Amino acid sequence: MEMIGLSLSHNDDGREWSSEGRITMPGSRIASLSSDGHIAIDRQRSVVKASLKMATPTGNEMAIMAQHDISSDHIDDMIEIRSSPRNKYAIGMRGSIADQAIQGKVEFASPVRGWEKMYASMEHKREAGKTNCKIETQWLNNQRVTMEYGSQRQIGRSRTAIEGVLNVTTTIRGEGVLNVTTTIRGYESLSLCRVRLRTTTTEGRLMLKLTLELHLRRCPRDLRCQ
């Protein structure tokens, strides 16, 4: 006569825990359910990690893992469901904030064809009159769009010049480049001085370059600009 066994265990010290329930069945079949985690919370940072794992008598396994990590200058959250090394669903979000820089990313992964990986990310930095920003997205069937912007500002007694470049790249066999140059001499009146547009096609890629030169004219305070 074969016996059925049951075992339970639990450990908890207030910050970490682990629990497990196990059933042994005839034919050396085992079913189990386990959980573990970690909690750390203070004034500057909060971290919570937990996992739940299950095994069936037929040999199938499933795991659910979650993480929440947040502070005044960063965040890192994640939920993952896994039934095999290749069968995984996950969603995550992470980001950070510094004095002159911001970064963030949201991701989704699945074993479904065409939905393997999707994400949206952003980076923004400023330093010494320069600004750089990058935004990138990827969705169904690895379609991707990337936008990058960079600008530089120079300030003088009689002239303030701002130059910026915007690059847009896609996976639809195309690439667009938008180049914008501005010159600022005042605040009340804006005039468009020159526009140049140039397009070229090489090896299936479309190149677009647009140059603008703008002028601002200062008017007397008691008169309107015509």
C-alpha atoms as a PDB file:
ATOM      1  CA  MET A   1       0.000   0.000   0.000  1.00  0.00           C
ATOM      2  CA  GLU A   2       1.380   3.382  -1.032  1.00  0.00           C
ATOM      3  CA  MET A   3       1.099   6.355   1.251  1.00  0.00           C
ATOM      4  CA  ILE A   4       0.231   9.983   0.575  1.00  0.00           C
ATOM      5  CA  GLY A   5       2.469  12.496   2.323  1.00  0.00           C
ATOM      6  CA  LEU A   6       1.925  16.150   3.192  1.00  0.00           C
ATOM      7  CA  SER A   7       4.533  18.631   4.401  1.00  0.00           C
ATOM      8  CA  LEU A   8       4.251  22.326   5.231  1.00  0.00           C
ATOM      9  CA  SER A   9       6.952  24.846   6.125  1.00  0.00           C
ATOM     10  CA  HIS A  10       7.060  28.589   6.761  1.00  0.00           C
ATOM     11  CA  ASN A  11       9.835  30.974   7.780  1.00  0.00           C
ATOM     12  CA  ASP A  12       9.396  34.703   8.409  1.00  0.00           C
ATOM     13  CA  ASP A  13      11.704  37.196  10.125  1.00  0.00           C
ATOM     14  CA  GLY A  14       9.737  40.349   9.325  1.00  0.00           C
ATOM     15  CA  ARG A  15      11.817  41.253   6.263  1.00  0.00           C
ATOM     16  CA  GLU A  16      12.082  37.962   4.369  1.00  0.00           C
ATOM     17  CA  TRP A  17       9.777  34.973   4.167  1.00  0.00           C
ATOM     18  CA  SER A  18       9.599  31.576   2.535  1.00  0.00           C
ATOM     19  CA  SER A  19       6.740  29.077   2.549  1.00  0.00           C
ATOM     20  CA  GLU A  20       6.231  25.700   0.919  1.00  0.00           C
ATOM     21  CA  GLY A  21       3.510  23.075   0.766  1.00  0.00           C
ATOM     22  CA  ARG A  22       4.288  19.675  -0.743  1.00  0.00           C
ATOM     23  CA  ILE A  23       2.136  16.614  -1.426  1.00  0.00           C
ATOM     24  CA  THR A  24       3.710  13.251  -2.298  1.00  0.00           C
ATOM     25  CA  MET A  25       1.384  10.918  -4.234  1.00  0.00           C
ATOM     26  CA  PRO A  26       1.566   7.273  -5.324  1.00  0.00           C
ATOM     27  CA  GLY A  27       4.043   6.679  -8.112  1.00  0.00           C
ATOM     28  CA  SER A  28       6.487   9.237  -6.675  1.00  0.00           C
ATOM     29  CA  ARG A  29       4.395  12.061  -8.035  1.00  0.00           C
ATOM     30  CA  ILE A  30       4.780  15.389  -6.277  1.00  0.00           C
ATOM     31  CA  ALA A  31       2.711  18.558  -6.269  1.00  0.00           C
ATOM     32  CA  SER A  32       4.102  21.644  -4.584  1.00  0.00           C
ATOM     33  CA  LEU A  33       3.342  25.298  -3.992  1.00  0.00           C
ATOM     34  CA  SER A  34       5.999  27.673  -2.671  1.00  0.00           C
ATOM     35  CA  SER A  35       6.392  31.385  -2.069  1.00  0.00           C
ATOM     36  CA  ASP A  36       9.226  33.644  -0.993  1.00  0.00           C
ATOM     37  CA  GLY A  37       9.866  37.349  -0.807  1.00  0.00           C
ATOM     38  CA  HIS A  38      11.717  40.289   0.634  1.00  0.00           C
ATOM     39  CA  ILE A  39      10.510  43.634   2.000  1.00  0.00           C
ATOM     40  CA  ALA A  40      12.723  46.633   2.781  1.00  0.00           C
ATOM     41  CA  ILE A  41      11.141  50.046   3.369  1.00  0.00           C
ATOM     42  CA  ASP A  42      12.751  53.198   4.721  1.00  0.00           C
ATOM     43  CA  ARG A  43      12.503  56.944   4.136  1.00  0.00           C
ATOM     44  CA  GLN A  44      14.652  56.929   1.003  1.00  0.00           C
ATOM     45  CA  ARG A  45      13.716  53.676  -0.723  1.00  0.00           C
ATOM     46  CA  SER A  46      11.058  50.956  -0.829  1.00  0.00           C
ATOM     47  CA  VAL A  47      11.781  47.477  -2.196  1.00  0.00           C
ATOM     48  CA  VAL A  48       9.298  44.596  -2.381  1.00  0.00           C
ATOM     49  CA  LYS A  49      10.115  41.319  -4.142  1.00  0.00           C
ATOM     50  CA  ALA A  50       7.915  38.226  -4.212  1.00  0.00           C
ATOM     51  CA  SER A  51       7.581  34.980  -6.137  1.00  0.00           C
ATOM     52  CA  LEU A  52       5.041  32.159  -6.290  1.00  0.00           C
ATOM     53  CA  LYS A  53       5.958  28.783  -7.804  1.00  0.00           C
ATOM     54  CA  MET A  54       3.753  25.789  -8.503  1.00  0.00           C
ATOM     55  CA  ALA A  55       4.574  22.255  -9.685  1.00  0.00           C
ATOM     56  CA  THR A  56       1.984  19.632 -10.715  1.00  0.00           C
ATOM     57  CA  PRO A  57       2.209  15.821 -10.539  1.00  0.00           C
ATOM     58  CA  THR A  58       2.503  15.735 -14.350  1.00  0.00           C
ATOM     59  CA  GLY A  59       5.772  17.672 -14.247  1.00  0.00           C
ATOM     60  CA  ASN A  60       4.424  21.053 -15.327  1.00  0.00           C
ATOM     61  CA  GLU A  61       5.726  24.143 -13.557  1.00  0.00           C
ATOM     62  CA  MET A  62       4.607  27.739 -13.322  1.00  0.00           C
ATOM     63  CA  ALA A  63       6.211  30.738 -11.645  1.00  0.00           C
ATOM     64  CA  ILE A  64       4.969  34.253 -10.966  1.00  0.00           C
ATOM     65  CA  MET A  65       7.528  36.867  -9.941  1.00  0.00           C
ATOM     66  CA  ALA A  66       6.982  40.504  -9.032  1.00  0.00           C
ATOM     67  CA  GLN A  67       9.257  43.377  -8.026  1.00  0.00           C
ATOM     68  CA  HIS A  68       8.590  46.925  -6.863  1.00  0.00           C
ATOM     69  CA  ASP A  69      11.601  49.180  -6.271  1.00  0.00           C
ATOM     70  CA  ILE A  70      11.094  52.921  -5.912  1.00  0.00           C
ATOM     71  CA  SER A  71      12.971  55.881  -4.464  1.00  0.00           C
ATOM     72  CA  SER A  72      13.077  59.636  -4.958  1.00  0.00           C
ATOM     73  CA  ASP A  73      15.203  59.327  -8.123  1.00  0.00           C
ATOM     74  CA  HIS A  74      14.355  55.947  -9.687  1.00  0.00           C
ATOM     75  CA  ILE A  75      11.678  53.289 -10.205  1.00  0.00           C
ATOM     76  CA  ASP A  76      11.987  49.641 -11.259  1.00  0.00           C
ATOM     77  CA  ASP A  77       8.806  47.529 -11.416  1.00  0.00           C
ATOM     78  CA  MET A  78       8.344  44.112 -13.007  1.00  0.00           C
ATOM     79  CA  ILE A  79       5.809  41.277 -13.204  1.00  0.00           C
ATOM     80  CA  GLU A  80       6.712  38.004 -14.924  1.00  0.00           C
ATOM     81  CA  ILE A  81       4.744  34.801 -15.529  1.00  0.00           C
ATOM     82  CA  ARG A  82       6.735  31.806 -16.724  1.00  0.00           C
ATOM     83  CA  SER A  83       5.640  28.224 -17.467  1.00  0.00           C
ATOM     84  CA  SER A  84       8.812  27.194 -19.340  1.00  0.00           C
ATOM     85  CA  PRO A  85      12.082  28.869 -20.396  1.00  0.00           C
ATOM     86  CA  ARG A  86      10.480  29.800 -23.735  1.00  0.00           C
ATOM     87  CA  ASN A  87       6.964  30.502 -22.506  1.00  0.00           C
ATOM     88  CA  LYS A  88       7.193  33.793 -20.638  1.00  0.00           C
ATOM     89  CA  TYR A  89       4.973  36.828 -20.261  1.00  0.00           C
ATOM     90  CA  ALA A  90       6.509  39.902 -18.668  1.00  0.00           C
ATOM     91  CA  ILE A  91       5.826  43.581 -18.248  1.00  0.00           C
ATOM     92  CA  GLY A  92       8.224  46.035 -16.682  1.00  0.00           C
ATOM     93  CA  MET A  93       8.800  49.718 -16.109  1.00  0.00           C
ATOM     94  CA  ARG A  94      11.989  51.465 -15.057  1.00  0.00           C
ATOM     95  CA  GLY A  95      13.215  55.023 -14.942  1.00  0.00           C
ATOM     96  CA  SER A  96      15.590  57.444 -13.276  1.00  0.00           C
ATOM     97  CA  ILE A  97      15.741  61.180 -12.635  1.00  0.00           C
ATOM     98  CA  ALA A  98      18.930  63.185 -12.101  1.00  0.00           C
ATOM     99  CA  ASP A  99      19.606  66.936 -11.998  1.00  0.00           C
ATOM    100  CA  GLN A 100      19.810  67.315 -15.797  1.00  0.00           C
ATOM    101  CA  ALA A 101      18.820  63.856 -17.079  1.00  0.00           C
ATOM    102  CA  ILE A 102      15.649  61.780 -17.290  1.00  0.00           C
ATOM    103  CA  GLN A 103      15.453  58.169 -18.495  1.00  0.00           C
ATOM    104  CA  GLY A 104      12.485  55.824 -18.716  1.00  0.00           C
ATOM    105  CA  LYS A 105      11.455  52.560 -20.368  1.00  0.00           C
ATOM    106  CA  VAL A 106       8.337  50.385 -20.473  1.00  0.00           C
ATOM    107  CA  GLU A 107       8.647  46.819 -21.815  1.00  0.00           C
ATOM    108  CA  PHE A 108       6.326  43.917 -22.643  1.00  0.00           C
ATOM    109  CA  ALA A 109       7.448  40.417 -23.663  1.00  0.00           C
ATOM    110  CA  SER A 110       5.457  37.337 -24.661  1.00  0.00           C
ATOM    111  CA  PRO A 111       5.921  34.033 -26.552  1.00  0.00           C
ATOM    112  CA  VAL A 112       3.222  34.993 -29.087  1.00  0.00           C
ATOM    113  CA  ARG A 113       4.598  35.451 -32.578  1.00  0.00           C
ATOM    114  CA  GLY A 114       4.731  39.106 -33.527  1.00  0.00           C
ATOM    115  CA  TRP A 115       4.359  40.145 -29.891  1.00  0.00           C
ATOM    116  CA  GLU A 116       7.755  38.893 -28.686  1.00  0.00           C
ATOM    117  CA  LYS A 117       9.009  42.272 -27.505  1.00  0.00           C
ATOM    118  CA  MET A 118       7.435  45.702 -27.367  1.00  0.00           C
ATOM    119  CA  TYR A 119       8.823  48.733 -25.612  1.00  0.00           C
ATOM    120  CA  ALA A 120       8.896  52.508 -25.424  1.00  0.00           C
ATOM    121  CA  SER A 121      11.918  54.377 -24.078  1.00  0.00           C
ATOM    122  CA  MET A 122      12.937  57.989 -23.537  1.00  0.00           C
ATOM    123  CA  GLU A 123      16.190  59.755 -22.634  1.00  0.00           C
ATOM    124  CA  HIS A 124      16.549  63.493 -22.046  1.00  0.00           C
ATOM    125  CA  LYS A 125      19.766  65.293 -21.041  1.00  0.00           C
ATOM    126  CA  ARG A 126      20.760  68.951 -20.663  1.00  0.00           C
ATOM    127  CA  GLU A 127      24.200  70.381 -20.000  1.00  0.00           C
ATOM    128  CA  ALA A 128      26.040  73.669 -20.698  1.00  0.00           C
ATOM    129  CA  GLY A 129      23.611  75.037 -23.292  1.00  0.00           C
ATOM    130  CA  LYS A 130      23.110  71.652 -24.989  1.00  0.00           C
ATOM    131  CA  THR A 131      20.005  69.493 -25.053  1.00  0.00           C
ATOM    132  CA  ASN A 132      19.755  65.888 -26.263  1.00  0.00           C
ATOM    133  CA  CYS A 133      16.602  63.810 -26.370  1.00  0.00           C
ATOM    134  CA  LYS A 134      15.911  60.319 -27.735  1.00  0.00           C
ATOM    135  CA  ILE A 135      12.564  58.527 -27.964  1.00  0.00           C
ATOM    136  CA  GLU A 136      12.288  54.978 -29.307  1.00  0.00           C
ATOM    137  CA  THR A 137       9.336  52.608 -29.685  1.00  0.00           C
ATOM    138  CA  GLN A 138       9.042  49.008 -30.904  1.00  0.00           C
ATOM    139  CA  TRP A 139       5.775  47.139 -31.383  1.00  0.00           C
ATOM    140  CA  LEU A 140       4.271  44.284 -33.415  1.00  0.00           C
ATOM    141  CA  ASN A 141       6.663  42.313 -35.653  1.00  0.00           C
ATOM    142  CA  ASN A 142       9.648  44.368 -34.461  1.00  0.00           C
ATOM    143  CA  GLN A 143       8.473  47.563 -36.165  1.00  0.00           C
ATOM    144  CA  ARG A 144      10.498  50.407 -34.697  1.00  0.00           C
ATOM    145  CA  VAL A 145      10.619  54.207 -34.793  1.00  0.00           C
ATOM    146  CA  THR A 146      13.458  56.243 -33.304  1.00  0.00           C
ATOM    147  CA  MET A 147      13.460  60.021 -32.857  1.00  0.00           C
ATOM    148  CA  GLU A 148      16.593  61.867 -31.761  1.00  0.00           C
ATOM    149  CA  TYR A 149      16.856  65.591 -31.118  1.00  0.00           C
ATOM    150  CA  GLY A 150      19.911  67.663 -30.276  1.00  0.00           C
ATOM    151  CA  SER A 151      20.259  71.420 -29.903  1.00  0.00           C
ATOM    152  CA  GLN A 152      22.895  73.928 -28.911  1.00  0.00           C
ATOM    153  CA  ARG A 153      22.368  77.502 -27.722  1.00  0.00           C
ATOM    154  CA  GLN A 154      24.850  80.361 -27.898  1.00  0.00           C
ATOM    155  CA  ILE A 155      24.029  83.683 -26.234  1.00  0.00           C
ATOM    156  CA  GLY A 156      25.832  86.939 -27.033  1.00  0.00           C
ATOM    157  CA  ARG A 157      25.217  90.661 -26.541  1.00  0.00           C
ATOM    158  CA  SER A 158      23.542  91.201 -29.918  1.00  0.00           C
ATOM    159  CA  ARG A 159      22.674  87.680 -30.962  1.00  0.00           C
ATOM    160  CA  THR A 160      21.185  84.494 -29.610  1.00  0.00           C
ATOM    161  CA  ALA A 161      21.650  81.495 -31.889  1.00  0.00           C
ATOM    162  CA  ILE A 162      19.880  78.178 -31.490  1.00  0.00           C
ATOM    163  CA  GLU A 163      20.730  75.226 -33.707  1.00  0.00           C
ATOM    164  CA  GLY A 164      18.857  71.958 -33.568  1.00  0.00           C
ATOM    165  CA  VAL A 165      18.777  68.661 -35.448  1.00  0.00           C
ATOM    166  CA  LEU A 166      15.935  66.146 -35.422  1.00  0.00           C
ATOM    167  CA  ASN A 167      16.552  62.647 -36.818  1.00  0.00           C
ATOM    168  CA  VAL A 168      13.698  60.210 -37.399  1.00  0.00           C
ATOM    169  CA  THR A 169      14.478  56.587 -38.301  1.00  0.00           C
ATOM    170  CA  THR A 170      11.959  53.816 -38.999  1.00  0.00           C
ATOM    171  CA  THR A 171      12.148  50.149 -39.969  1.00  0.00           C
ATOM    172  CA  ILE A 172       9.903  50.771 -42.986  1.00  0.00           C
ATOM    173  CA  ARG A 173      12.991  51.085 -45.208  1.00  0.00           C
ATOM    174  CA  GLY A 174      13.185  54.804 -44.733  1.00  0.00           C
ATOM    175  CA  GLU A 175      15.115  57.413 -42.878  1.00  0.00           C
ATOM    176  CA  GLY A 176      14.181  61.057 -42.477  1.00  0.00           C
ATOM    177  CA  VAL A 177      16.482  63.822 -41.316  1.00  0.00           C
ATOM    178  CA  LEU A 178      15.060  67.218 -40.339  1.00  0.00           C
ATOM    179  CA  ASN A 179      17.670  69.932 -39.799  1.00  0.00           C
ATOM    180  CA  VAL A 180      16.407  73.222 -38.345  1.00  0.00           C
ATOM    181  CA  THR A 181      18.630  76.292 -37.789  1.00  0.00           C
ATOM    182  CA  THR A 182      17.308  79.480 -36.183  1.00  0.00           C
ATOM    183  CA  THR A 183      18.833  82.878 -35.428  1.00  0.00           C
ATOM    184  CA  ILE A 184      17.105  85.059 -32.823  1.00  0.00           C
ATOM    185  CA  ARG A 185      17.731  88.817 -32.522  1.00  0.00           C
ATOM    186  CA  GLY A 186      14.601  90.028 -30.749  1.00  0.00           C
ATOM    187  CA  TYR A 187      11.371  88.984 -29.161  1.00  0.00           C
ATOM    188  CA  GLU A 188       8.344  90.651 -30.779  1.00  0.00           C
ATOM    189  CA  SER A 189       8.555  90.006 -34.537  1.00  0.00           C
ATOM    190  CA  LEU A 190       9.350  86.749 -36.305  1.00  0.00           C
ATOM    191  CA  SER A 191      10.290  86.611 -39.982  1.00  0.00           C
ATOM    192  CA  LEU A 192      11.118  83.593 -42.136  1.00  0.00           C
ATOM    193  CA  CYS A 193      14.215  84.363 -44.201  1.00  0.00           C
ATOM    194  CA  ARG A 194      15.169  81.169 -45.981  1.00  0.00           C
ATOM    195  CA  VAL A 195      13.829  77.685 -46.542  1.00  0.00           C
ATOM    196  CA  ARG A 196      15.723  74.866 -48.231  1.00  0.00           C
ATOM    197  CA  LEU A 197      14.392  71.364 -48.843  1.00  0.00           C
ATOM    198  CA  ARG A 198      16.455  68.542 -50.288  1.00  0.00           C
ATOM    199  CA  THR A 199      15.543  64.881 -50.794  1.00  0.00           C
ATOM    200  CA  THR A 200      17.680  62.011 -52.037  1.00  0.00           C
ATOM    201  CA  THR A 201      17.038  58.302 -52.407  1.00  0.00           C
ATOM    202  CA  THR A 202      19.858  55.769 -52.086  1.00  0.00           C
ATOM    203  CA  GLU A 203      19.545  52.008 -51.617  1.00  0.00           C
ATOM    204  CA  GLY A 204      15.864  52.243 -50.819  1.00  0.00           C
ATOM    205  CA  ARG A 205      16.336  54.908 -48.126  1.00  0.00           C
ATOM    206  CA  LEU A 206      14.747  58.338 -48.305  1.00  0.00           C
ATOM    207  CA  MET A 207      16.846  61.215 -46.960  1.00  0.00           C
ATOM    208  CA  LEU A 208      15.023  64.451 -46.177  1.00  0.00           C
ATOM    209  CA  LYS A 209      16.837  67.625 -45.136  1.00  0.00           C
ATOM    210  CA  LEU A 210      14.995  70.840 -44.341  1.00  0.00           C
ATOM    211  CA  THR A 211      16.845  74.014 -43.294  1.00  0.00           C
ATOM    212  CA  LEU A 212      15.037  77.039 -41.880  1.00  0.00           C
ATOM    213  CA  GLU A 213      16.581  80.394 -40.938  1.00  0.00           C
ATOM    214  CA  LEU A 214      14.388  82.532 -38.710  1.00  0.00           C
ATOM    215  CA  HIS A 215      14.880  86.086 -37.392  1.00  0.00           C
ATOM    216  CA  LEU A 216      13.162  87.824 -34.499  1.00  0.00           C
ATOM    217  CA  ARG A 217      13.058  91.650 -34.709  1.00  0.00           C
ATOM    218  CA  ARG A 218      12.768  93.733 -31.560  1.00  0.00           C
ATOM    219  CA  CYS A 219      10.202  96.556 -31.686  1.00  0.00           C
ATOM    220  CA  PRO A 220       9.909  99.692 -29.527  1.00  0.00           C
ATOM    221  CA  ARG A 221       7.735  99.071 -26.503  1.00  0.00           C
ATOM    222  CA  ASP A 222       5.188 101.729 -27.511  1.00  0.00           C
ATOM    223  CA  LEU A 223       4.815 100.568 -31.141  1.00  0.00           C
ATOM    224  CA  ARG A 224       3.448  97.427 -32.730  1.00  0.00           C
ATOM    225  CA  CYS A 225       5.450  95.522 -35.315  1.00  0.00           C
ATOM    226  CA  GLN A 226       3.981  95.623 -38.795  1.00  0.00           C
END
